[in-house]
Amino acid sequence: MSHRRGADGAPARLLTPSRVTVGSVELTVTQLRKDLTKALDAVKAGDEVIVTERGTAIARLGGVESTSLLAQLEADGVLTPPAQSRAVPRLPEAEAAKDALSSLLGRLRR
């Protein structure tokens, strides 16, 4: 099996992007429509695909992270987990108000 090579002798990319940066491929909307499967393969391989329209970036295609958003924000130092549980105790007044509301609704339904 022969592999296609570029002018510099390096393996040719499957996509012919309008611009390429490290780990990122930039495609026009027309190129994306033509080569959607190849663009998704590039995303699966770890590249980020930037979609442009008339030279302006309008969308970014990237892989789905397996970590949750909260875990990622904690890892990035954006969020700090609480030092202890902050469960709010139920107040007797709230219980009494709930019972009064239930009672009122029950009488209205009769």
Protein backbone atom coordinates (compact mmCIF):
# COMPACT_ATOMS: atom_id res chain seq x y z
CA MET A 1 0.00 0.00 0.00
CA SER A 2 1.46 3.35 -0.95
CA HIS A 3 0.91 6.43 1.17
CA ARG A 4 0.46 9.81 -0.45
CA ARG A 5 3.25 12.23 0.29
CA GLY A 6 3.26 16.01 0.24
CA ALA A 7 5.79 18.22 -1.54
CA ASP A 8 8.07 18.11 1.52
CA GLY A 9 8.01 14.30 1.63
CA ALA A 10 5.82 14.21 4.73
CA PRO A 11 2.62 12.15 4.66
CA ALA A 12 -0.16 14.15 3.03
CA ARG A 13 -3.08 15.15 5.25
CA LEU A 14 -6.45 13.66 4.40
CA LEU A 15 -7.97 17.14 4.36
CA THR A 16 -6.85 20.11 2.36
CA PRO A 17 -7.54 22.83 4.92
CA SER A 18 -7.37 26.51 4.22
CA ARG A 19 -5.02 26.87 7.21
CA VAL A 20 -3.37 24.45 9.62
CA THR A 21 -2.02 25.14 13.10
CA VAL A 22 -0.62 22.65 15.60
CA GLY A 23 -3.49 20.32 16.53
CA SER A 24 -5.96 22.43 14.60
CA VAL A 25 -7.37 22.37 11.07
CA GLU A 26 -9.29 25.27 9.54
CA LEU A 27 -11.89 24.48 6.88
CA THR A 28 -14.39 26.57 4.97
CA VAL A 29 -18.06 25.59 5.10
CA THR A 30 -17.79 24.32 1.52
CA GLN A 31 -14.78 22.14 2.40
CA LEU A 32 -16.60 20.79 5.47
CA ARG A 33 -19.67 19.85 3.41
CA LYS A 34 -17.45 18.06 0.91
CA ASP A 35 -15.24 16.25 3.44
CA LEU A 36 -17.37 15.86 6.58
CA THR A 37 -16.30 12.25 7.16
CA LYS A 38 -12.63 13.17 6.89
CA ALA A 39 -13.14 16.15 9.20
CA LEU A 40 -14.73 13.89 11.80
CA ASP A 41 -11.84 11.44 11.42
CA ALA A 42 -9.44 14.32 12.12
CA VAL A 43 -11.42 15.17 15.27
CA LYS A 44 -11.29 11.54 16.37
CA ALA A 45 -7.51 11.65 15.86
CA GLY A 46 -7.30 14.57 18.30
CA ASP A 47 -7.31 17.55 15.94
CA GLU A 48 -9.61 20.50 16.38
CA VAL A 49 -11.48 21.60 13.23
CA ILE A 50 -12.32 25.29 12.92
CA VAL A 51 -15.06 26.04 10.38
CA THR A 52 -14.88 29.41 8.65
CA GLU A 53 -17.28 31.37 6.50
CA ARG A 54 -15.83 34.19 4.39
CA GLY A 55 -12.70 34.15 6.53
CA THR A 56 -14.51 34.36 9.89
CA ALA A 57 -14.49 31.43 12.31
CA ILE A 58 -18.08 30.33 12.96
CA ALA A 59 -17.75 26.90 14.60
CA ARG A 60 -15.29 24.58 16.27
CA LEU A 61 -15.42 20.79 16.11
CA GLY A 62 -13.58 18.95 18.84
CA GLY A 63 -13.63 15.68 20.68
CA VAL A 64 -15.94 15.07 23.59
CA GLU A 65 -14.13 14.99 26.91
CA SER A 66 -14.73 11.93 29.03
CA THR A 67 -14.44 13.88 32.27
CA SER A 68 -17.38 15.79 33.64
CA LEU A 69 -17.46 19.56 33.38
CA LEU A 70 -17.27 19.96 37.17
CA ALA A 71 -14.25 17.66 37.38
CA GLN A 72 -12.54 19.57 34.57
CA LEU A 73 -13.25 22.95 36.20
CA GLU A 74 -11.86 21.63 39.51
CA ALA A 75 -8.75 20.34 37.73
CA ASP A 76 -8.27 23.73 36.05
CA GLY A 77 -8.57 25.49 39.41
CA VAL A 78 -11.71 27.38 38.43
CA LEU A 79 -13.86 25.67 41.08
CA THR A 80 -12.98 24.59 44.57
CA PRO A 81 -14.99 21.77 46.14
CA PRO A 82 -16.62 22.60 49.49
CA ALA A 83 -14.64 21.75 52.60
CA GLN A 84 -17.67 20.07 54.16
CA SER A 85 -21.20 19.11 53.28
CA ARG A 86 -23.55 22.07 53.11
CA ALA A 87 -26.86 20.27 53.42
CA VAL A 88 -29.51 22.73 54.54
CA PRO A 89 -31.57 21.43 57.45
CA ARG A 90 -35.33 21.57 57.05
CA LEU A 91 -36.83 24.27 59.22
CA PRO A 92 -39.96 23.56 61.25
CA GLU A 93 -41.60 26.66 59.76
CA ALA A 94 -41.08 25.30 56.25
CA GLU A 95 -42.64 21.97 57.22
CA ALA A 96 -45.62 23.75 58.78
CA ALA A 97 -46.08 25.90 55.67
CA LYS A 98 -45.92 22.82 53.44
CA ASP A 99 -48.55 21.07 55.58
CA ALA A 100 -50.79 24.16 55.51
CA LEU A 101 -50.50 24.42 51.73
CA SER A 102 -51.30 20.73 51.29
CA SER A 103 -54.30 21.09 53.54
CA LEU A 104 -55.57 24.15 51.62
CA LEU A 105 -55.16 22.43 48.25
CA GLY A 106 -56.98 19.38 49.57
CA ARG A 107 -59.95 21.50 50.65
CA LEU A 108 -60.05 23.34 47.30
CA ARG A 109 -60.19 20.08 45.35
CA ARG A 110 -63.30 18.82 47.20
